């Protein structure tokens, strides 16, 4: 070293300065290294040592910095080193350091290569951490886990999410957001797909094009499992995925989390809605399929739509599609089925009397149907809400042309009206054709139209049909016996604290029971004309025993 020349310290891994040319008598001194440059160089050297230990293609590639490290602080050191390398690149890019003035940009290139290696390591960490998560993310304890995959401590899930957030923030901060998001989306899409497949709502056989080729008889046995799976998918899988994205991409990265969640979940959620759209379309207007359609309505309104609002947002396209499915397609299908059921009652031949005035099969079938339908009172109330009345009111209740609230004359046929008052005969002779019997379809039934009480409307339609059938008995006494037995059966199906009683009212059942007794008394009086040897009291007792 020439006397008087300044001494510049070097790092062992640093290249020496280029020698002076022997043809030059004097050369300018090398730039004096400042403290910041020294710190940056040392930081890069330290990062190189750490990266050598945790090289993504090295011996540590099967271990995680975050899950298996014997030195917990090393993970934090690695993340700091990645950020330091990014800052070093910016520093070297200024060109004011020894390396970059005389080393041809060696410092910048070295820092860039080290940073790229660090990012590949963090991509590996993302994969390891994501693989440690269950397919269904749950941050609260859930004792209703369906399989071992879901059994993981919420504390462990939260801890893993904290690690994922640290990795994501480090990658996004240094410009490797695309790589971070790509790894995250690919892994979580696969996890969500696996979860939905376990719930039996996602598989190649459940694509809408495939469903369109199936018959209702093939679809119906699967509907219950689809509904159960769909409820869990929206309430658990998608909600958990939303929270995972919110936790990992938080703060200033929240918009990234929104985009990631949409990419992971939206198309898979849409496919579930498409599944039910296809199934409802297959149901057509068959009354016996109404209950499945109402199950879909309940699943949408009670679970799926609220979950969509929570996970995808109130203004999301997915929510709009789900609401359209529930309010338009499902509701239209349900109203069409109710209309078909009403039409089927009205089309029952009025001349098909039952021998001996016994219980008519139509009464048994309709009342059993309504007992089940009463379980869906809330769904029916929404489907027949006032908001939906204007566009669809003409599709239901137009079959008989009758009205609620007027009187009905026995023997007038199916063109009569459901009445609100009844005048029982006081006995005596005559034929049914010449004697007028004003009957009531619903004396104490709530004075509500079809749109506010479709079950009540169907009951009134049934009573109207029974009136018409009763009018076709040649013997007047049998008409009253028929009405007594059928009215008594209706009252019995409604009473006793059933849901149907809650819909029609306790007073309705009591009124029908009283009406059945009145019909029976008329029947006995008419029979007494033919059996004068038996007292009225005895005939009433015998009739009640038979009934």
Protein backbone atom coordinates (compact mmCIF):
# COMPACT_ATOMS: atom_id res chain seq x y z
CA UNK A 1 0.00 0.00 0.00
CA UNK A 2 1.47 3.40 -0.96
CA UNK A 3 2.25 5.70 1.93
CA UNK A 4 -0.59 8.06 2.65
CA UNK A 5 -3.22 6.00 0.77
CA UNK A 6 -6.53 5.61 2.67
CA UNK A 7 -7.46 2.07 3.86
CA UNK A 8 -10.79 0.65 2.83
CA UNK A 9 -12.12 -2.41 4.71
CA UNK A 10 -13.47 -5.29 2.58
CA UNK A 11 -15.81 -8.11 3.25
CA UNK A 12 -14.33 -11.59 2.69
CA UNK A 13 -16.89 -12.32 -0.02
CA UNK A 14 -16.31 -9.04 -1.81
CA UNK A 15 -14.23 -8.80 -5.03
CA UNK A 16 -11.06 -6.64 -4.79
CA UNK A 17 -10.85 -3.34 -6.58
CA UNK A 18 -9.43 -3.46 -10.12
CA UNK A 19 -5.62 -2.68 -10.14
CA UNK A 20 -4.36 0.59 -11.47
CA UNK A 21 -2.90 0.59 -15.00
CA UNK A 22 0.93 0.62 -15.06
CA UNK A 23 0.77 3.23 -17.88
CA UNK A 24 -0.91 5.68 -15.54
CA UNK A 25 1.37 7.64 -13.29
CA UNK A 26 -1.49 8.69 -11.05
CA UNK A 27 -5.03 7.50 -10.68
CA UNK A 28 -7.87 8.91 -8.67
CA UNK A 29 -8.49 7.35 -5.29
CA UNK A 30 -11.40 4.89 -4.96
CA UNK A 31 -14.51 6.47 -3.51
CA UNK A 32 -14.49 6.37 0.25
CA UNK A 33 -17.14 3.92 1.50
CA UNK A 34 -19.72 5.58 3.66
CA UNK A 35 -21.37 4.03 6.70
CA UNK A 36 -24.71 3.36 4.90
CA UNK A 37 -22.93 1.52 2.10
CA UNK A 38 -21.07 -0.61 4.59
CA UNK A 39 -24.27 -1.46 6.42
CA UNK A 40 -26.04 -2.39 3.19
CA UNK A 41 -23.16 -4.58 2.05
CA UNK A 42 -23.06 -6.34 5.38
CA UNK A 43 -26.82 -6.82 5.30
CA UNK A 44 -26.60 -8.47 1.90
CA UNK A 45 -23.81 -10.73 3.13
CA UNK A 46 -25.84 -11.76 6.18
CA UNK A 47 -28.88 -12.47 3.99
CA UNK A 48 -26.71 -14.63 1.74
CA UNK A 49 -25.67 -16.76 4.71
CA UNK A 50 -29.30 -17.20 5.85
CA UNK A 51 -30.48 -18.02 2.33
CA UNK A 52 -27.76 -20.60 1.96
CA UNK A 53 -29.17 -22.40 5.01
CA UNK A 54 -32.80 -22.16 3.85
CA UNK A 55 -32.27 -22.45 0.10
CA UNK A 56 -35.52 -23.64 -1.57
CA UNK A 57 -33.64 -26.39 -3.40
CA UNK A 58 -31.38 -27.26 -0.48
CA UNK A 59 -31.53 -29.84 2.27
CA UNK A 60 -34.05 -27.75 4.22
CA UNK A 61 -36.65 -27.74 1.44
CA UNK A 62 -38.79 -30.29 3.29
CA UNK A 63 -38.90 -28.25 6.50
CA UNK A 64 -40.73 -25.04 7.31
CA UNK A 65 -39.19 -21.97 8.81
CA UNK A 66 -42.45 -21.34 10.63
CA UNK A 67 -43.63 -24.79 11.68
CA UNK A 68 -40.46 -26.78 12.36
CA UNK A 69 -37.71 -24.29 13.13
CA UNK A 70 -35.82 -24.92 16.36
CA UNK A 71 -35.08 -21.20 16.46
CA UNK A 72 -38.40 -19.34 16.19
CA UNK A 73 -36.61 -16.03 15.66
CA UNK A 74 -35.08 -17.36 12.44
CA UNK A 75 -38.38 -17.03 10.58
CA UNK A 76 -38.61 -13.37 11.52
CA UNK A 77 -34.98 -12.91 10.54
CA UNK A 78 -35.68 -14.42 7.14
CA UNK A 79 -38.60 -12.10 6.50
CA UNK A 80 -36.51 -9.10 7.54
CA UNK A 81 -33.70 -10.28 5.28
CA UNK A 82 -36.09 -10.38 2.31
CA UNK A 83 -37.17 -6.80 2.93
CA UNK A 84 -33.54 -5.75 3.49
CA UNK A 85 -32.56 -7.24 0.14
CA UNK A 86 -35.26 -5.19 -1.54
CA UNK A 87 -34.00 -2.04 0.13
CA UNK A 88 -30.43 -2.98 -0.86
CA UNK A 89 -31.52 -3.23 -4.50
CA UNK A 90 -32.90 0.30 -4.34
CA UNK A 91 -29.70 1.49 -2.67
CA UNK A 92 -27.45 -0.18 -5.25
CA UNK A 93 -29.58 1.17 -8.07
CA UNK A 94 -28.50 4.68 -7.04
CA UNK A 95 -24.94 3.79 -8.26
CA UNK A 96 -23.18 5.51 -5.36
CA UNK A 97 -21.45 2.46 -3.93
CA UNK A 98 -18.11 0.87 -4.58
CA UNK A 99 -19.67 -2.26 -6.03
CA UNK A 100 -21.80 -0.44 -8.53
CA UNK A 101 -19.32 2.22 -9.60
CA UNK A 102 -16.51 -0.21 -10.42
CA UNK A 103 -18.20 -3.62 -10.34
CA UNK A 104 -20.54 -3.24 -13.31
CA UNK A 105 -23.70 -3.30 -11.14
CA UNK A 106 -22.52 -6.40 -9.29
CA UNK A 107 -24.17 -5.33 -6.04
CA UNK A 108 -27.57 -4.81 -7.65
CA UNK A 109 -27.37 -8.13 -9.49
CA UNK A 110 -26.30 -9.97 -6.36
CA UNK A 111 -29.12 -8.48 -4.30
CA UNK A 112 -31.66 -9.26 -7.05
CA UNK A 113 -30.54 -12.90 -7.27
CA UNK A 114 -30.65 -13.28 -3.49
CA UNK A 115 -34.10 -11.68 -3.33
CA UNK A 116 -35.37 -14.01 -6.05
CA UNK A 117 -34.05 -16.97 -4.06
CA UNK A 118 -35.73 -15.62 -0.92
CA UNK A 119 -39.05 -15.31 -2.75
CA UNK A 120 -38.83 -18.87 -4.05
CA UNK A 121 -38.28 -19.95 -0.46
CA UNK A 122 -41.32 -17.98 0.68
CA UNK A 123 -43.39 -19.55 -2.10
CA UNK A 124 -42.34 -22.92 -0.70
CA UNK A 125 -43.31 -21.74 2.79
CA UNK A 126 -46.72 -20.71 1.47
CA UNK A 127 -47.27 -24.19 0.07
CA UNK A 128 -46.17 -25.87 3.31
CA UNK A 129 -48.34 -23.60 5.46
CA UNK A 130 -51.37 -23.92 3.19
CA UNK A 131 -50.98 -27.69 3.13
CA UNK A 132 -51.16 -27.72 6.92
CA UNK A 133 -54.62 -26.13 6.86
CA UNK A 134 -57.83 -28.20 6.63
CA UNK A 135 -60.01 -27.94 3.55
CA UNK A 136 -62.73 -26.25 5.61
CA UNK A 137 -61.38 -23.32 7.61
CA UNK A 138 -62.93 -22.87 11.05
CA UNK A 139 -61.81 -20.25 13.53
CA UNK A 140 -64.28 -21.35 16.19
CA UNK A 141 -64.58 -24.71 17.93
CA UNK A 142 -67.02 -26.95 16.10
CA UNK A 143 -68.09 -30.27 17.56
CA UNK A 144 -70.00 -31.16 14.40
CA UNK A 145 -66.98 -32.03 12.26
CA UNK A 146 -67.88 -34.56 9.59
CA UNK A 147 -64.44 -35.98 8.96
CA UNK A 148 -60.92 -36.05 10.31
CA UNK A 149 -59.84 -33.39 7.84
CA UNK A 150 -61.90 -30.84 9.72
CA UNK A 151 -60.56 -31.74 13.14
CA UNK A 152 -57.95 -29.07 13.85
CA UNK A 153 -57.63 -26.70 16.75
CA UNK A 154 -58.90 -23.20 15.93
CA UNK A 155 -55.81 -21.89 17.74
CA UNK A 156 -53.60 -23.84 15.35
CA UNK A 157 -55.55 -22.46 12.39
CA UNK A 158 -55.18 -18.90 13.67
CA UNK A 159 -51.44 -19.38 14.23
CA UNK A 160 -50.97 -20.70 10.71
CA UNK A 161 -52.95 -17.74 9.36
CA UNK A 162 -50.62 -15.37 11.19
CA UNK A 163 -47.65 -17.04 9.49
CA UNK A 164 -49.38 -16.84 6.11
CA UNK A 165 -50.07 -13.17 6.61
CA UNK A 166 -46.43 -12.49 7.46
CA UNK A 167 -45.27 -14.31 4.32
CA UNK A 168 -47.88 -12.61 2.12
CA UNK A 169 -47.00 -9.16 3.43
CA UNK A 170 -43.30 -9.79 2.82
CA UNK A 171 -43.87 -10.95 -0.76
CA UNK A 172 -46.30 -8.16 -1.59
CA UNK A 173 -43.99 -5.54 -0.09
CA UNK A 174 -41.09 -6.43 -2.42
CA UNK A 175 -43.12 -6.77 -5.63
CA UNK A 176 -43.79 -10.50 -5.68
CA UNK A 177 -47.54 -10.25 -5.18
CA UNK A 178 -48.36 -12.13 -8.39
CA UNK A 179 -46.36 -15.16 -7.26
CA UNK A 180 -47.90 -15.03 -3.79
CA UNK A 181 -51.47 -14.81 -5.06
CA UNK A 182 -50.90 -17.53 -7.65
CA UNK A 183 -49.75 -20.05 -5.03
CA UNK A 184 -52.53 -19.10 -2.61
CA UNK A 185 -55.32 -19.30 -5.19
CA UNK A 186 -54.20 -22.60 -6.68
CA UNK A 187 -54.00 -24.31 -3.29
CA UNK A 188 -57.22 -22.93 -1.82
CA UNK A 189 -59.25 -23.58 -4.97
CA UNK A 190 -58.23 -27.22 -4.75
CA UNK A 191 -59.09 -27.30 -1.03
CA UNK A 192 -62.52 -25.74 -1.54
CA UNK A 193 -63.25 -28.11 -4.42
CA UNK A 194 -62.30 -31.08 -2.23
CA UNK A 195 -64.54 -29.81 0.57
CA UNK A 196 -67.50 -29.39 -1.78
CA UNK A 197 -66.96 -32.83 -3.21
CA UNK A 198 -67.07 -34.29 0.30
CA UNK A 199 -70.38 -32.47 0.76
CA UNK A 200 -71.64 -34.04 -2.49
CA UNK A 201 -72.32 -30.72 -4.20
CA UNK A 202 -69.37 -30.66 -6.57
CA UNK A 203 -68.31 -33.27 -9.08
CA UNK A 204 -68.31 -33.72 -12.86
CA UNK A 205 -71.62 -35.57 -12.56
CA UNK A 206 -73.24 -32.49 -11.00
CA UNK A 207 -72.54 -30.04 -13.79
CA UNK A 208 -75.64 -28.22 -15.01
CA UNK A 209 -75.41 -29.81 -18.46
CA UNK A 210 -75.43 -33.25 -16.83
CA UNK A 211 -78.32 -32.40 -14.52
CA UNK A 212 -80.37 -31.24 -17.50
CA UNK A 213 -80.20 -34.77 -18.90
CA UNK A 214 -81.56 -36.39 -15.74
CA UNK A 215 -85.20 -37.13 -15.04
CA UNK A 216 -86.93 -35.98 -11.86
CA UNK A 217 -86.96 -39.56 -10.58
CA UNK A 218 -83.16 -39.54 -10.81
CA UNK A 219 -82.86 -36.12 -9.19
CA UNK A 220 -85.34 -36.49 -6.33
CA UNK A 221 -83.42 -39.10 -4.25
CA UNK A 222 -80.35 -36.86 -4.30
CA UNK A 223 -82.06 -33.59 -3.42
CA UNK A 224 -81.87 -33.98 0.35
CA UNK A 225 -78.12 -34.63 0.33
CA UNK A 226 -77.63 -31.72 -2.08
CA UNK A 227 -79.57 -29.39 0.20
CA UNK A 228 -77.66 -30.51 3.28
CA UNK A 229 -74.36 -30.13 1.46
CA UNK A 230 -75.27 -26.72 0.05
CA UNK A 231 -76.21 -25.38 3.48
CA UNK A 232 -72.86 -26.48 4.89
CA UNK A 233 -70.98 -25.21 1.85
CA UNK A 234 -72.28 -21.66 2.16
CA UNK A 235 -72.47 -21.47 5.95
CA UNK A 236 -69.10 -23.11 6.59
CA UNK A 237 -66.84 -23.56 3.56
CA UNK A 238 -67.30 -20.17 1.90
CA UNK A 239 -67.64 -18.21 5.13
CA UNK A 240 -64.44 -19.82 6.43
CA UNK A 241 -62.65 -19.07 3.18
CA UNK A 242 -63.74 -15.44 3.38
CA UNK A 243 -62.29 -15.11 6.87
CA UNK A 244 -59.07 -16.81 5.81
CA UNK A 245 -58.58 -14.31 2.98
CA UNK A 246 -59.43 -11.42 5.30
CA UNK A 247 -56.85 -12.57 7.84
CA UNK A 248 -54.04 -13.29 5.37
CA UNK A 249 -54.56 -10.23 3.18
CA UNK A 250 -55.38 -7.63 5.79
CA UNK A 251 -54.88 -3.90 6.11
CA UNK A 252 -53.59 -2.26 2.96
CA UNK A 253 -53.77 -5.63 1.18
CA UNK A 254 -57.53 -6.02 1.78
CA UNK A 255 -58.36 -5.43 -1.88
CA UNK A 256 -56.00 -8.26 -2.80
CA UNK A 257 -57.90 -10.50 -0.38
CA UNK A 258 -61.21 -9.59 -2.03
CA UNK A 259 -59.88 -10.52 -5.45
CA UNK A 260 -58.35 -13.76 -4.18
CA UNK A 261 -61.55 -14.85 -2.44
CA UNK A 262 -63.63 -14.09 -5.51
CA UNK A 263 -61.28 -16.14 -7.68
CA UNK A 264 -61.23 -19.05 -5.23
CA UNK A 265 -64.92 -19.27 -4.34
CA UNK A 266 -67.27 -17.41 -6.64
CA UNK A 267 -67.44 -19.80 -9.58
CA UNK A 268 -67.72 -22.80 -7.26
CA UNK A 269 -70.56 -21.14 -5.35
CA UNK A 270 -72.26 -20.27 -8.62
CA UNK A 271 -72.14 -23.91 -9.71
CA UNK A 272 -74.13 -24.91 -6.61
CA UNK A 273 -76.85 -22.39 -7.39
CA UNK A 274 -76.90 -23.64 -10.98
CA UNK A 275 -77.44 -27.15 -9.63
CA UNK A 276 -80.65 -26.09 -7.89
CA UNK A 277 -81.78 -23.99 -10.83
CA UNK A 278 -81.62 -27.08 -13.02
CA UNK A 279 -83.33 -29.26 -10.41
CA UNK A 280 -86.20 -26.80 -9.89
CA UNK A 281 -86.70 -26.54 -13.63
CA UNK A 282 -87.09 -30.33 -13.75
CA UNK A 283 -89.79 -30.23 -11.07
CA UNK A 284 -92.19 -28.46 -13.46
CA UNK A 285 -95.72 -28.14 -11.96
CA UNK A 286 -96.25 -31.58 -10.41
CA UNK A 287 -97.90 -31.07 -6.97
CA UNK A 288 -96.08 -34.02 -5.39
CA UNK A 289 -92.77 -32.23 -6.03
CA UNK A 290 -93.80 -29.09 -4.18
CA UNK A 291 -92.13 -30.12 -0.92
CA UNK A 292 -88.70 -30.49 -2.55
CA UNK A 293 -89.05 -27.09 -4.15
CA UNK A 294 -90.01 -25.56 -0.80
CA UNK A 295 -86.95 -27.23 0.75
CA UNK A 296 -84.83 -25.40 -1.81
CA UNK A 297 -86.60 -22.14 -0.93
CA UNK A 298 -85.91 -22.66 2.78
CA UNK A 299 -82.25 -23.47 2.16
CA UNK A 300 -81.86 -20.32 0.08
CA UNK A 301 -83.65 -17.91 2.39
CA UNK A 302 -82.56 -19.31 5.75
CA UNK A 303 -78.92 -20.20 5.07
CA UNK A 304 -77.53 -19.59 1.61
CA UNK A 305 -78.51 -15.96 0.96
CA UNK A 306 -77.44 -14.74 4.46
CA UNK A 307 -74.13 -16.59 4.03
CA UNK A 308 -73.64 -15.04 0.59
CA UNK A 309 -74.20 -11.57 2.04
CA UNK A 310 -71.65 -12.25 4.78
CA UNK A 311 -69.01 -13.78 2.51
CA UNK A 312 -69.50 -12.21 -0.92
CA UNK A 313 -71.20 -8.94 -0.01
CA UNK A 314 -74.70 -7.53 -0.18
CA UNK A 315 -74.10 -6.07 -3.64
CA UNK A 316 -72.47 -9.17 -5.14
CA UNK A 317 -73.71 -10.72 -8.37
CA UNK A 318 -73.92 -14.04 -6.57
CA UNK A 319 -76.41 -12.64 -4.06
CA UNK A 320 -78.51 -11.21 -6.88
CA UNK A 321 -78.53 -14.60 -8.60
CA UNK A 322 -79.50 -16.42 -5.40
CA UNK A 323 -82.32 -13.96 -4.69
CA UNK A 324 -83.57 -14.32 -8.25
CA UNK A 325 -83.54 -18.09 -7.85
CA UNK A 326 -85.49 -17.95 -4.58
CA UNK A 327 -87.92 -15.14 -5.36
CA UNK A 328 -88.54 -15.84 -9.03
CA UNK A 329 -87.74 -19.36 -10.17
CA UNK A 330 -88.45 -21.30 -6.98
CA UNK A 331 -91.45 -19.15 -6.08
CA UNK A 332 -92.93 -19.43 -9.56
CA UNK A 333 -92.47 -23.19 -9.52
CA UNK A 334 -94.11 -23.47 -6.09
CA UNK A 335 -97.09 -21.32 -7.05
CA UNK A 336 -97.51 -23.36 -10.21
CA UNK A 337 -97.58 -26.57 -8.18
CA UNK A 338 -100.17 -25.17 -5.79
CA UNK A 339 -102.25 -24.16 -8.80
CA UNK A 340 -101.91 -27.68 -10.20
CA UNK A 341 -102.97 -29.15 -6.88
CA UNK A 342 -106.01 -26.89 -6.77
CA UNK A 343 -106.89 -27.84 -10.33
CA UNK A 344 -106.57 -31.54 -9.47
CA UNK A 345 -109.09 -31.10 -6.63
CA UNK A 346 -111.51 -29.28 -8.90
CA UNK A 347 -111.19 -31.92 -11.62
CA UNK A 348 -112.21 -34.73 -9.29
CA UNK A 349 -115.50 -36.05 -10.74
CA UNK A 350 -118.37 -34.75 -8.63
CA UNK A 351 -120.47 -37.76 -9.60
CA UNK A 352 -117.93 -40.17 -8.11
CA UNK A 353 -119.84 -40.66 -4.85
CA UNK A 354 -118.58 -43.06 -2.18
CA UNK A 355 -120.99 -45.91 -1.33
CA UNK A 356 -122.67 -45.51 2.04
CA UNK A 357 -121.57 -41.89 2.43
CA UNK A 358 -118.14 -42.95 3.68
CA UNK A 359 -114.92 -40.92 3.76
CA UNK A 360 -113.88 -39.86 0.27
CA UNK A 361 -110.29 -40.74 -0.82
CA UNK A 362 -109.91 -37.15 -2.02
CA UNK A 363 -110.50 -35.85 1.51
CA UNK A 364 -107.90 -38.19 2.94
CA UNK A 365 -105.32 -37.32 0.27
CA UNK A 366 -105.81 -33.55 0.38
CA UNK A 367 -105.76 -33.30 4.17
CA UNK A 368 -102.65 -35.44 4.48
CA UNK A 369 -101.03 -33.26 1.82
CA UNK A 370 -101.95 -30.11 3.73
CA UNK A 371 -100.62 -31.54 7.00
CA UNK A 372 -97.19 -31.75 5.36
CA UNK A 373 -97.62 -28.42 3.61
CA UNK A 374 -98.27 -26.69 6.95
CA UNK A 375 -94.62 -27.33 7.86
CA UNK A 376 -93.74 -24.80 5.16
CA UNK A 377 -96.04 -22.02 6.35
CA UNK A 378 -93.22 -19.44 6.46
CA UNK A 379 -91.99 -20.35 3.00
CA UNK A 380 -95.52 -20.10 1.60
CA UNK A 381 -95.99 -16.72 3.26
CA UNK A 382 -92.87 -15.42 1.49
CA UNK A 383 -93.77 -17.02 -1.82
CA UNK A 384 -97.26 -15.51 -1.71
CA UNK A 385 -96.09 -12.16 -0.40
CA UNK A 386 -97.75 -8.96 -1.58
CA UNK A 387 -94.65 -7.96 -3.56
CA UNK A 388 -95.09 -10.98 -5.81
CA UNK A 389 -98.85 -10.76 -6.17
CA UNK A 390 -99.19 -8.36 -9.08
CA UNK A 391 -97.34 -10.36 -11.73
CA UNK A 392 -98.52 -13.83 -10.88
CA UNK A 393 -101.95 -13.63 -9.26
CA UNK A 394 -103.67 -14.83 -12.41
CA UNK A 395 -101.81 -18.16 -12.38
CA UNK A 396 -103.45 -19.56 -9.25
CA UNK A 397 -107.01 -19.92 -8.07
CA UNK A 398 -108.66 -19.37 -11.42
CA UNK A 399 -109.88 -22.91 -11.94
CA UNK A 400 -113.26 -22.86 -10.26
CA UNK A 401 -114.23 -19.29 -10.91
CA UNK A 402 -115.60 -19.22 -7.36
CA UNK A 403 -115.12 -16.67 -4.62
CA UNK A 404 -114.58 -16.87 -0.93
CA UNK A 405 -117.26 -15.38 1.26
CA UNK A 406 -120.52 -16.30 -0.48
CA UNK A 407 -122.90 -19.18 0.07
CA UNK A 408 -122.87 -22.62 -1.50
CA UNK A 409 -125.90 -24.65 -2.46
CA UNK A 410 -125.65 -28.41 -2.19
CA UNK A 411 -126.13 -30.02 -5.56
CA UNK A 412 -124.96 -27.02 -7.57
CA UNK A 413 -121.91 -28.85 -8.88
CA UNK A 414 -118.34 -27.66 -9.07
CA UNK A 415 -119.29 -24.25 -10.32
CA UNK A 416 -120.48 -23.16 -6.86
CA UNK A 417 -118.69 -20.88 -4.46
CA UNK A 418 -117.11 -21.47 -1.10
CA UNK A 419 -119.50 -20.08 1.45
CA UNK A 420 -119.29 -18.36 4.77
CA UNK A 421 -122.66 -19.41 6.18
CA UNK A 422 -124.55 -22.69 6.46
CA UNK A 423 -128.23 -23.45 7.01
CA UNK A 424 -128.86 -27.04 8.05
CA UNK A 425 -132.08 -28.74 7.10
CA UNK A 426 -134.50 -29.48 9.92
CA UNK A 427 -135.52 -32.88 8.69
CA UNK A 428 -138.45 -34.02 6.65
CA UNK A 429 -138.72 -35.60 3.30
CA UNK A 430 -137.84 -34.47 -0.16
CA UNK A 431 -134.95 -35.13 -2.46
CA UNK A 432 -131.55 -33.54 -2.58
CA UNK A 433 -132.31 -31.92 -5.91
CA UNK A 434 -135.28 -30.01 -4.50
CA UNK A 435 -133.95 -29.19 -1.05
CA UNK A 436 -131.46 -26.39 -0.66
CA UNK A 437 -128.63 -26.81 1.79
CA UNK A 438 -126.45 -23.76 2.24
CA UNK A 439 -123.02 -24.91 3.36
CA UNK A 440 -119.96 -23.18 4.71
CA UNK A 441 -116.46 -23.85 3.38
CA UNK A 442 -114.90 -21.94 6.25
CA UNK A 443 -117.17 -20.34 8.83
CA UNK A 444 -114.37 -19.32 11.16
CA UNK A 445 -111.50 -19.63 8.67
CA UNK A 446 -109.46 -16.47 8.66
CA UNK A 447 -110.88 -14.10 6.08
CA UNK A 448 -107.76 -14.16 3.99
CA UNK A 449 -107.35 -14.69 0.28
CA UNK A 450 -105.24 -17.30 -1.44
CA UNK A 451 -102.24 -14.97 -1.42
CA UNK A 452 -102.10 -14.62 2.33
CA UNK A 453 -103.27 -18.13 3.22
CA UNK A 454 -102.89 -20.65 0.38
CA UNK A 455 -103.56 -23.57 2.72
CA UNK A 456 -106.85 -22.02 3.80
CA UNK A 457 -107.74 -21.50 0.17
CA UNK A 458 -107.06 -25.15 -0.67
CA UNK A 459 -109.24 -26.23 2.25
CA UNK A 460 -112.08 -24.10 0.91
CA UNK A 461 -111.60 -25.63 -2.55
CA UNK A 462 -111.80 -29.10 -1.02
CA UNK A 463 -114.99 -28.25 0.87
CA UNK A 464 -116.48 -26.88 -2.31
CA UNK A 465 -115.74 -30.14 -4.07
CA UNK A 466 -117.20 -32.17 -1.19
CA UNK A 467 -120.36 -30.05 -1.42
CA UNK A 468 -120.60 -30.91 -5.10
CA UNK A 469 -120.08 -34.62 -4.49
CA UNK A 470 -122.64 -34.63 -1.68
CA UNK A 471 -125.16 -33.10 -4.06
CA UNK A 472 -124.97 -36.14 -6.31
CA UNK A 473 -126.26 -38.66 -3.75
CA UNK A 474 -129.72 -39.84 -4.71
CA UNK A 475 -130.67 -40.21 -1.07
CA UNK A 476 -130.60 -36.91 0.81
CA UNK A 477 -129.74 -38.58 4.12
CA UNK A 478 -126.53 -40.01 2.64
CA UNK A 479 -125.51 -36.51 1.53
CA UNK A 480 -125.53 -35.40 5.16
CA UNK A 481 -123.77 -38.55 6.32
CA UNK A 482 -121.09 -38.01 3.68
CA UNK A 483 -120.59 -34.40 4.77
CA UNK A 484 -120.56 -35.40 8.44
CA UNK A 485 -117.88 -38.03 7.98
CA UNK A 486 -115.66 -35.93 5.70
CA UNK A 487 -116.00 -32.76 7.77
CA UNK A 488 -115.25 -34.70 10.94
CA UNK A 489 -112.12 -36.13 9.32
CA UNK A 490 -110.96 -32.66 8.29
CA UNK A 491 -111.50 -31.30 11.80
CA UNK A 492 -109.64 -34.25 13.29
CA UNK A 493 -106.62 -33.72 11.01
CA UNK A 494 -106.48 -30.05 11.93
CA UNK A 495 -107.10 -30.24 15.69
CA UNK A 496 -104.86 -31.46 18.46
CA UNK A 497 -102.18 -28.79 18.37
CA UNK A 498 -100.92 -29.58 14.87
CA UNK A 499 -99.14 -27.07 12.66
CA UNK A 500 -102.16 -27.16 10.41
CA UNK A 501 -104.24 -25.97 13.35
CA UNK A 502 -101.81 -23.07 13.79
CA UNK A 503 -102.40 -22.12 10.15
CA UNK A 504 -106.19 -22.46 10.08
CA UNK A 505 -106.90 -21.63 13.70
CA UNK A 506 -108.17 -23.62 16.66
CA UNK A 507 -111.58 -22.08 16.25
CA UNK A 508 -111.76 -23.45 12.70
CA UNK A 509 -111.32 -27.03 13.92
CA UNK A 510 -113.92 -26.51 16.63
CA UNK A 511 -116.37 -25.04 14.14
CA UNK A 512 -115.91 -27.96 11.75
CA UNK A 513 -116.45 -30.44 14.58
CA UNK A 514 -119.69 -28.69 15.48
CA UNK A 515 -120.69 -28.64 11.84
CA UNK A 516 -120.03 -32.37 11.52
CA UNK A 517 -122.35 -32.98 14.49
CA UNK A 518 -124.99 -30.84 12.82
CA UNK A 519 -124.74 -32.83 9.60
CA UNK A 520 -125.05 -36.04 11.58
CA UNK A 521 -128.17 -34.82 13.34
CA UNK A 522 -129.78 -33.99 10.01
CA UNK A 523 -128.83 -37.41 8.71
CA UNK A 524 -130.39 -39.11 11.76
CA UNK A 525 -133.60 -37.09 11.46
CA UNK A 526 -133.94 -38.04 7.83
CA UNK A 527 -133.29 -41.69 8.66
CA UNK A 528 -135.85 -41.48 11.48
CA UNK A 529 -138.54 -40.91 8.90
CA UNK A 530 -137.75 -44.39 7.58
CA UNK A 531 -137.29 -45.95 11.06
CA UNK A 532 -140.09 -44.62 13.27
CA UNK A 533 -139.56 -47.52 15.67
CA UNK A 534 -136.15 -46.12 16.71
CA UNK A 535 -136.03 -42.91 18.70
CA UNK A 536 -133.96 -39.95 17.53
CA UNK A 537 -131.69 -40.24 20.56
CA UNK A 538 -130.98 -43.89 19.81
CA UNK A 539 -130.22 -43.17 16.17
CA UNK A 540 -127.84 -40.35 17.11
CA UNK A 541 -126.02 -42.63 19.51
CA UNK A 542 -125.71 -45.38 16.91
CA UNK A 543 -124.55 -42.93 14.25
CA UNK A 544 -121.88 -41.47 16.51
CA UNK A 545 -120.62 -44.94 17.34
CA UNK A 546 -120.31 -45.78 13.65
CA UNK A 547 -118.59 -42.47 12.94
